[in-house]
Amino acid sequence: MTNWFFVGRVVLKATLLFVTINVVYALTNPLPTVHSVSVYNTLVPGRERLPYGENPSESYNITILQVEGMFTSHILNDADKKNDEYRVFLVGDSSVWGWLLDEDETLSACLNRANLKTPDGEKIHVYNLGYPILDATKDLLLLQHGLQYEPDMVVWLVTMASLYPYEQLIHDVVRANPEKVRELIDRYNLALNPDELPGSPNFWERTLVGQRKDLAEWLRFQMYGLGWATTDIDYRSPEFFHPVQSSLYDSTMLFDGRDEQVLTRADFSFDVIAAGVDMAQEAGAEVLIVNQPMFVSSGVNSDKRYNFYYPRWAYDMYHTMIAELASENGWQYADYWDAIPNEAYTDSSFHATPEATCDFALLLGGEIQRSAP
């Protein structure tokens, strides 16, 4: 005969325990601490790139959006700075991260193979802090966390599309770390609206149940560490991709609808760059701003557009403005907008072949050596 009183007591105790665990979890907010615990740099090697994965089962990688979790798996988290090391961070979009490139084909890997030294004889070691999508605020957020690892120089690759104000707060990483971004907006008085960011999570969203997806992704990422350690694979390039578009549509419009008008500095988030320069310099690092290479079409309608992203009139104004700003503010600035030949671009106006990436790395390496004190 079923003892319903006993069953009821068990169910009640289990329910109370479940509720208690969730309440304690919500009050203590342990998710950042959980993300700071990792098999990487302990049981398995650290990764050369920040975690990003569209096909986890093939690339042994997964997209992690919490900043703490992104860096815990990075090789930086276990890289004691040597006395003769000149530490350089590369910051930027997917071209820096290494889209369609294996880990040993990225810009940072090419630079490290060059065995560069500063004029004082220090060994230049470059770390990859790039992350997909064009968004300077995302770069600023990652740079803020990365500065604890004591870089001597930050090389920040930017382009016009990474500086559109209306796109600064839509990146997944930005939206997954809203409080950190709000602090940056307030600290540097950025011309961005913090109300566009997600609100602080409510009590339910802070519980174990509410954060189960984040916790599951953290656990999956740890499990993929074994595959990463065994294969050194952290990204699988698609077998097929659409080549960069050389025949362009018959339009001189920007994506937001503006067409052949005068642009001003307020039309770009140059204040985000200024914030990054100030932040890095306060931490004792040199900063080199690089106007990154892009595809320049010679095909249909190339008289109206440089590429899929940019009408000529708009990019020319941006191009002039960023150079003027760098000069006015005393920024170290390098302009490599046309440094990679057109035939070397792959699936977009910013992604290049392994060979072209390493050729560009040689140019950039010389710039780093000249910019080092």
Protein backbone atom coordinates (compact mmCIF):
# COMPACT_ATOMS: atom_id res chain seq x y z
CA MET A 1 0.00 0.00 0.00
CA THR A 2 1.41 3.39 -1.01
CA ASN A 3 2.39 5.62 1.89
CA TRP A 4 1.14 8.90 0.46
CA PHE A 5 2.25 10.82 3.54
CA PHE A 6 5.85 9.67 2.96
CA VAL A 7 5.64 10.48 -0.76
CA GLY A 8 4.25 13.90 0.05
CA ARG A 9 7.09 14.62 2.47
CA VAL A 10 9.68 13.59 -0.13
CA VAL A 11 8.06 15.77 -2.80
CA LEU A 12 7.79 18.71 -0.39
CA LYS A 13 11.44 18.41 0.70
CA ALA A 14 12.59 18.10 -2.92
CA THR A 15 10.55 21.16 -3.87
CA LEU A 16 11.90 23.18 -0.95
CA LEU A 17 15.46 22.12 -1.80
CA PHE A 18 14.95 23.05 -5.45
CA VAL A 19 13.51 26.45 -4.51
CA THR A 20 16.27 27.08 -1.97
CA ILE A 21 19.03 26.25 -4.44
CA ASN A 22 17.50 28.57 -7.04
CA VAL A 23 17.04 31.41 -4.53
CA VAL A 24 20.62 31.11 -3.27
CA TYR A 25 21.88 30.91 -6.85
CA ALA A 26 19.95 34.03 -7.84
CA LEU A 27 21.16 35.99 -4.80
CA THR A 28 24.83 35.05 -5.22
CA ASN A 29 24.97 35.36 -9.05
CA PRO A 30 27.74 32.77 -9.52
CA LEU A 31 27.67 32.70 -13.34
CA PRO A 32 30.81 34.87 -13.78
CA THR A 33 32.59 32.64 -11.26
CA VAL A 34 31.41 29.52 -13.08
CA HIS A 35 32.82 30.93 -16.32
CA SER A 36 36.15 31.54 -14.60
CA VAL A 37 36.44 27.78 -13.96
CA SER A 38 37.75 25.94 -17.00
CA VAL A 39 39.53 22.83 -18.22
CA TYR A 40 41.48 25.09 -20.57
CA ASN A 41 44.99 26.01 -19.49
CA THR A 42 44.72 23.22 -16.88
CA LEU A 43 43.66 19.84 -18.24
CA VAL A 44 43.91 20.92 -21.89
CA PRO A 45 45.84 23.73 -23.62
CA GLY A 46 44.44 27.22 -23.87
CA ARG A 47 43.00 28.35 -27.17
CA GLU A 48 44.69 30.86 -29.47
CA ARG A 49 41.35 32.46 -30.38
CA LEU A 50 38.35 33.63 -28.40
CA PRO A 51 35.58 31.00 -28.55
CA TYR A 52 33.28 31.21 -31.55
CA GLY A 53 31.67 28.29 -33.32
CA GLU A 54 28.88 27.77 -35.83
CA ASN A 55 29.33 23.98 -36.13
CA PRO A 56 30.50 22.82 -32.68
CA SER A 57 30.61 19.10 -33.42
CA GLU A 58 33.13 19.66 -36.25
CA SER A 59 35.11 22.59 -34.87
CA TYR A 60 35.18 21.54 -31.20
CA ASN A 61 34.18 25.09 -30.44
CA ILE A 62 31.11 26.95 -29.29
CA THR A 63 30.14 30.59 -29.04
CA ILE A 64 30.55 31.87 -25.49
CA LEU A 65 29.18 35.36 -24.85
CA GLN A 66 30.12 36.02 -21.22
CA VAL A 67 33.38 37.97 -21.31
CA GLU A 68 34.84 36.05 -18.36
CA GLY A 69 34.23 32.72 -20.08
CA MET A 70 35.69 33.94 -23.36
CA PHE A 71 39.01 34.81 -21.77
CA THR A 72 39.24 31.87 -19.38
CA SER A 73 39.78 29.52 -22.33
CA HIS A 74 42.30 31.82 -24.04
CA ILE A 75 46.01 31.06 -23.89
CA LEU A 76 46.50 34.51 -22.35
CA ASN A 77 44.92 33.24 -19.16
CA ASP A 78 47.97 31.05 -18.54
CA ALA A 79 50.68 33.09 -20.22
CA ASP A 80 53.06 34.57 -17.67
CA LYS A 81 54.72 37.58 -19.21
CA LYS A 82 58.42 36.98 -19.74
CA ASN A 83 60.99 39.66 -18.98
CA ASP A 84 62.03 39.95 -22.62
CA GLU A 85 58.48 39.79 -24.04
CA TYR A 86 56.86 42.71 -25.85
CA ARG A 87 53.20 41.75 -25.66
CA VAL A 88 50.90 42.85 -28.48
CA PHE A 89 47.12 42.43 -28.67
CA LEU A 90 45.34 42.36 -32.03
CA VAL A 91 41.78 43.66 -31.72
CA GLY A 92 39.16 43.73 -34.46
CA ASP A 93 36.59 41.74 -36.40
CA SER A 94 36.45 38.35 -38.10
CA SER A 95 39.40 39.21 -40.35
CA VAL A 96 41.53 39.40 -37.20
CA TRP A 97 39.90 36.36 -35.58
CA GLY A 98 40.60 34.40 -38.77
CA TRP A 99 37.45 33.62 -40.74
CA LEU A 100 38.06 30.79 -43.24
CA LEU A 101 41.51 30.39 -41.70
CA ASP A 102 42.97 27.67 -39.51
CA GLU A 103 44.43 28.77 -36.20
CA ASP A 104 47.99 28.74 -37.59
CA GLU A 105 46.97 30.89 -40.59
CA THR A 106 45.66 33.90 -38.70
CA LEU A 107 47.24 37.33 -38.62
CA SER A 108 48.60 36.77 -35.11
CA ALA A 109 50.04 33.36 -36.03
CA CYS A 110 51.81 34.84 -39.06
CA LEU A 111 53.25 37.65 -36.95
CA ASN A 112 54.53 35.23 -34.32
CA ARG A 113 56.23 33.04 -36.93
CA ALA A 114 58.12 36.12 -38.14
CA ASN A 115 60.04 36.19 -34.82
CA LEU A 116 59.94 39.96 -34.66
CA LYS A 117 61.83 42.04 -32.11
CA THR A 118 61.52 45.62 -30.94
CA PRO A 119 64.37 48.08 -31.50
CA ASP A 120 65.39 47.31 -27.88
CA GLY A 121 65.63 43.59 -28.60
CA GLU A 122 62.44 42.44 -26.89
CA LYS A 123 60.63 39.51 -28.49
CA ILE A 124 57.29 40.55 -29.96
CA HIS A 125 54.53 38.08 -29.05
CA VAL A 126 51.12 38.72 -30.59
CA TYR A 127 47.81 37.55 -29.14
CA ASN A 128 44.59 37.28 -31.10
CA LEU A 129 41.69 39.14 -29.45
CA GLY A 130 39.69 39.54 -32.64
CA TYR A 131 36.06 38.45 -32.71
CA PRO A 132 33.58 38.16 -35.59
CA ILE A 133 31.29 41.01 -36.62
CA LEU A 134 32.15 44.65 -37.33
CA ASP A 135 31.51 46.52 -34.07
CA ALA A 136 33.95 48.85 -32.32
CA THR A 137 32.05 48.74 -29.00
CA LYS A 138 32.43 44.97 -28.93
CA ASP A 139 36.16 45.52 -29.45
CA LEU A 140 36.25 48.06 -26.62
CA LEU A 141 34.49 45.64 -24.26
CA LEU A 142 36.96 42.85 -25.01
CA LEU A 143 39.90 45.22 -24.75
CA GLN A 144 38.75 46.37 -21.31
CA HIS A 145 38.87 42.82 -19.99
CA GLY A 146 42.07 41.99 -21.85
CA LEU A 147 44.10 44.83 -20.36
CA GLN A 148 44.54 42.87 -17.13
CA TYR A 149 47.00 40.70 -19.10
CA GLU A 150 49.44 43.62 -19.42
CA PRO A 151 49.87 44.33 -23.14
CA ASP A 152 52.67 46.62 -24.24
CA MET A 153 50.80 47.51 -27.41
CA VAL A 154 47.25 47.26 -28.72
CA VAL A 155 46.82 47.07 -32.50
CA TRP A 156 43.20 47.89 -33.31
CA LEU A 157 42.00 47.19 -36.85
CA VAL A 158 38.92 49.18 -37.80
CA THR A 159 36.92 50.06 -40.89
CA MET A 160 33.97 52.30 -41.65
CA ALA A 161 31.35 49.62 -41.00
CA SER A 162 32.70 48.95 -37.51
CA LEU A 163 31.91 52.54 -36.55
CA TYR A 164 28.23 52.96 -37.43
CA PRO A 165 26.58 54.34 -34.25
CA TYR A 166 23.28 52.57 -34.90
CA GLU A 167 25.03 49.17 -34.89
CA GLN A 168 27.23 49.59 -31.81
CA LEU A 169 24.83 47.98 -29.33
CA ILE A 170 23.43 45.07 -31.35
CA HIS A 171 26.34 42.59 -31.20
CA ASP A 172 25.57 39.45 -29.20
CA VAL A 173 28.61 39.90 -26.96
CA VAL A 174 27.64 43.51 -26.23
CA ARG A 175 24.08 42.52 -25.36
CA ALA A 176 25.19 39.60 -23.20
CA ASN A 177 27.28 41.96 -21.03
CA PRO A 178 25.00 45.00 -20.70
CA GLU A 179 26.23 46.23 -17.31
CA LYS A 180 29.84 46.29 -18.47
CA VAL A 181 28.83 48.23 -21.59
CA ARG A 182 26.77 50.69 -19.56
CA GLU A 183 29.82 51.35 -17.40
CA LEU A 184 31.89 52.04 -20.52
CA ILE A 185 29.25 54.41 -21.90
CA ASP A 186 29.14 56.29 -18.61
CA ARG A 187 32.88 56.31 -17.97
CA TYR A 188 33.83 57.61 -21.40
CA ASN A 189 30.65 59.61 -22.09
CA LEU A 190 30.06 57.68 -25.32
CA ALA A 191 27.37 58.94 -27.68
CA LEU A 192 25.39 55.72 -27.31
CA ASN A 193 22.00 55.18 -25.70
CA PRO A 194 22.26 52.67 -22.82
CA ASP A 195 18.48 52.24 -22.92
CA GLU A 196 18.98 50.23 -26.12
CA LEU A 197 20.75 47.54 -24.10
CA PRO A 198 18.86 44.72 -22.40
CA GLY A 199 17.75 45.48 -18.87
CA SER A 200 19.28 43.83 -15.85
CA PRO A 201 18.03 40.24 -15.48
CA ASN A 202 15.06 39.83 -13.18
CA PHE A 203 15.05 37.42 -10.26
CA TRP A 204 13.79 34.49 -12.33
CA GLU A 205 16.40 35.08 -15.01
CA ARG A 206 19.13 34.96 -12.35
CA THR A 207 18.04 31.56 -11.01
CA LEU A 208 19.60 28.23 -11.88
CA VAL A 209 16.61 27.48 -14.10
CA GLY A 210 16.75 30.89 -15.76
CA GLN A 211 20.44 30.50 -16.59
CA ARG A 212 20.34 26.84 -17.56
CA LYS A 213 21.19 27.61 -21.19
CA ASP A 214 24.32 29.56 -20.25
CA LEU A 215 25.38 26.80 -17.88
CA ALA A 216 24.75 24.10 -20.47
CA GLU A 217 26.85 25.97 -23.03
CA TRP A 218 29.65 26.40 -20.49
CA LEU A 219 29.60 22.65 -19.82
CA ARG A 220 29.57 21.80 -23.54
CA PHE A 221 32.52 24.11 -24.10
CA GLN A 222 34.52 22.28 -21.43
CA MET A 223 33.68 18.95 -23.05
CA TYR A 224 34.83 20.19 -26.46
CA GLY A 225 38.21 20.89 -24.88
CA LEU A 226 39.24 17.26 -25.28
CA GLY A 227 38.54 17.35 -29.01
CA TRP A 228 40.45 20.62 -29.29
CA ALA A 229 43.43 19.20 -27.38
CA THR A 230 43.50 16.09 -29.56
CA THR A 231 43.08 17.71 -32.98
CA ASP A 232 44.14 21.38 -32.61
CA ILE A 233 40.96 22.16 -34.57
CA ASP A 234 38.98 25.16 -33.36
CA TYR A 235 37.28 26.10 -36.65
CA ARG A 236 36.04 24.25 -39.71
CA SER A 237 35.89 26.29 -42.89
CA PRO A 238 32.82 25.56 -44.99
CA GLU A 239 33.47 23.36 -48.00
CA PHE A 240 31.75 25.89 -50.26
CA PHE A 241 31.26 29.63 -49.91
CA HIS A 242 30.15 32.50 -52.13
CA PRO A 243 33.17 34.43 -53.42
CA VAL A 244 33.44 38.14 -52.73
CA GLN A 245 31.05 40.15 -54.88
CA SER A 246 32.87 42.04 -57.64
CA SER A 247 29.85 43.01 -59.74
CA LEU A 248 28.06 45.54 -57.57
CA TYR A 249 24.49 46.75 -57.49
CA ASP A 250 23.68 50.04 -59.17
CA SER A 251 23.39 52.22 -56.09
CA THR A 252 25.34 54.83 -54.20
CA MET A 253 23.31 54.40 -51.01
CA LEU A 254 24.58 53.35 -47.62
CA PHE A 255 22.73 50.49 -45.93
CA ASP A 256 20.81 52.97 -43.76
CA GLY A 257 19.41 54.75 -46.83
CA ARG A 258 21.64 57.82 -46.93
CA ASP A 259 22.80 58.79 -50.39
CA GLU A 260 25.49 61.24 -51.49
CA GLN A 261 25.34 63.68 -48.61
CA VAL A 262 27.88 65.31 -46.37
CA LEU A 263 28.89 63.07 -43.49
CA THR A 264 30.28 64.45 -40.26
CA ARG A 265 32.27 62.92 -37.43
CA ALA A 266 29.02 62.48 -35.52
CA ASP A 267 27.99 59.91 -38.15
CA PHE A 268 30.67 57.54 -36.83
CA SER A 269 31.54 56.23 -33.37
CA PHE A 270 35.00 57.72 -33.33
CA ASP A 271 34.49 58.37 -29.61
CA VAL A 272 34.66 54.59 -29.08
CA ILE A 273 38.13 54.56 -30.64
CA ALA A 274 39.15 57.51 -28.46
CA ALA A 275 37.90 55.62 -25.40
CA GLY A 276 39.94 52.57 -26.33
CA VAL A 277 43.07 54.66 -26.85
CA ASP A 278 42.62 56.38 -23.47
CA MET A 279 41.87 53.08 -21.72
CA ALA A 280 44.92 51.31 -23.12
CA GLN A 281 47.24 54.24 -22.49
CA GLU A 282 46.03 54.48 -18.89
CA ALA A 283 47.08 50.83 -18.56
CA GLY A 284 50.53 51.67 -19.93
CA ALA A 285 50.09 50.30 -23.46
CA GLU A 286 50.90 51.88 -26.79
CA VAL A 287 48.01 51.93 -29.30
CA LEU A 288 48.21 51.58 -33.06
CA ILE A 289 44.99 52.24 -34.99
CA VAL A 290 44.92 50.50 -38.37
CA ASN A 291 42.49 51.29 -41.16
CA GLN A 292 42.17 47.70 -42.31
CA PRO A 293 42.42 46.32 -45.84
CA MET A 294 39.33 45.84 -47.95
CA PHE A 295 38.34 44.55 -51.37
CA VAL A 296 38.20 47.28 -54.04
CA SER A 297 36.09 46.16 -56.97
CA SER A 298 36.95 46.83 -60.59
CA GLY A 299 33.75 45.21 -61.87
CA VAL A 300 30.26 46.42 -62.75
CA ASN A 301 29.33 49.68 -60.96
CA SER A 302 32.77 49.95 -59.37
CA ASP A 303 32.68 53.61 -60.36
CA LYS A 304 29.92 54.02 -57.74
CA ARG A 305 30.98 51.58 -55.03
CA TYR A 306 34.26 50.26 -53.73
CA ASN A 307 32.57 47.03 -52.69
CA PHE A 308 29.32 45.55 -51.38
CA TYR A 309 29.62 47.56 -48.16
CA TYR A 310 30.76 50.99 -49.26
CA PRO A 311 29.69 53.58 -51.83
CA ARG A 312 32.74 55.56 -52.85
CA TRP A 313 31.46 58.94 -51.65
CA ALA A 314 30.86 57.69 -48.10
CA TYR A 315 34.09 55.75 -47.68
CA ASP A 316 36.15 58.63 -49.04
CA MET A 317 34.69 60.94 -46.38
CA TYR A 318 35.31 58.39 -43.62
CA HIS A 319 38.82 57.80 -44.95
CA THR A 320 39.67 61.49 -44.70
CA MET A 321 38.02 61.91 -41.30
CA ILE A 322 39.80 59.07 -39.50
CA ALA A 323 43.19 60.25 -40.78
CA GLU A 324 42.46 63.81 -39.63
CA LEU A 325 41.29 62.60 -36.22
CA ALA A 326 44.40 60.51 -35.75
CA SER A 327 46.58 63.49 -36.58
CA GLU A 328 44.66 65.89 -34.31
CA ASN A 329 44.71 63.50 -31.36
CA GLY A 330 48.26 62.26 -31.78
CA TRP A 331 47.17 58.66 -32.39
CA GLN A 332 49.59 56.23 -33.97
CA TYR A 333 47.76 55.42 -37.19
CA ALA A 334 48.46 53.23 -40.21
CA ASP A 335 46.37 53.18 -43.37
CA TYR A 336 46.33 49.82 -45.16
CA TRP A 337 42.95 50.07 -46.86
CA ASP A 338 44.27 48.76 -50.21
CA ALA A 339 47.17 46.61 -48.95
CA ILE A 340 45.76 43.24 -50.07
CA PRO A 341 45.26 42.51 -53.80
CA ASN A 342 41.70 41.89 -54.96
CA GLU A 343 42.34 38.31 -56.06
CA ALA A 344 43.28 37.39 -52.48
CA TYR A 345 39.85 38.04 -50.95
CA THR A 346 37.64 35.07 -50.21
CA ASP A 347 33.99 35.33 -49.14
CA SER A 348 33.74 39.00 -48.15
CA SER A 349 35.36 42.38 -48.61
CA PHE A 350 37.51 41.84 -45.50
CA HIS A 351 38.49 38.15 -45.45
CA ALA A 352 41.69 37.13 -47.21
CA THR A 353 43.51 33.91 -48.10
CA PRO A 354 46.18 32.48 -45.76
CA GLU A 355 48.95 33.65 -48.08
CA ALA A 356 47.62 37.21 -48.31
CA THR A 357 47.03 37.31 -44.57
CA CYS A 358 50.67 36.48 -43.91
CA ASP A 359 51.84 38.99 -46.52
CA PHE A 360 49.82 41.66 -44.74
CA ALA A 361 51.26 40.47 -41.43
CA LEU A 362 54.74 41.37 -42.67
CA LEU A 363 53.58 44.92 -43.38
CA LEU A 364 51.84 45.14 -40.03
CA GLY A 365 54.85 43.68 -38.25
CA GLY A 366 57.05 46.44 -39.58
CA GLU A 367 54.49 48.97 -38.38
CA ILE A 368 54.50 47.41 -34.90
CA GLN A 369 58.30 47.57 -34.76
CA ARG A 370 58.30 51.22 -35.80
CA SER A 371 55.59 52.09 -33.27
CA ALA A 372 57.26 50.34 -30.34
CA PRO A 373 59.17 52.79 -28.09
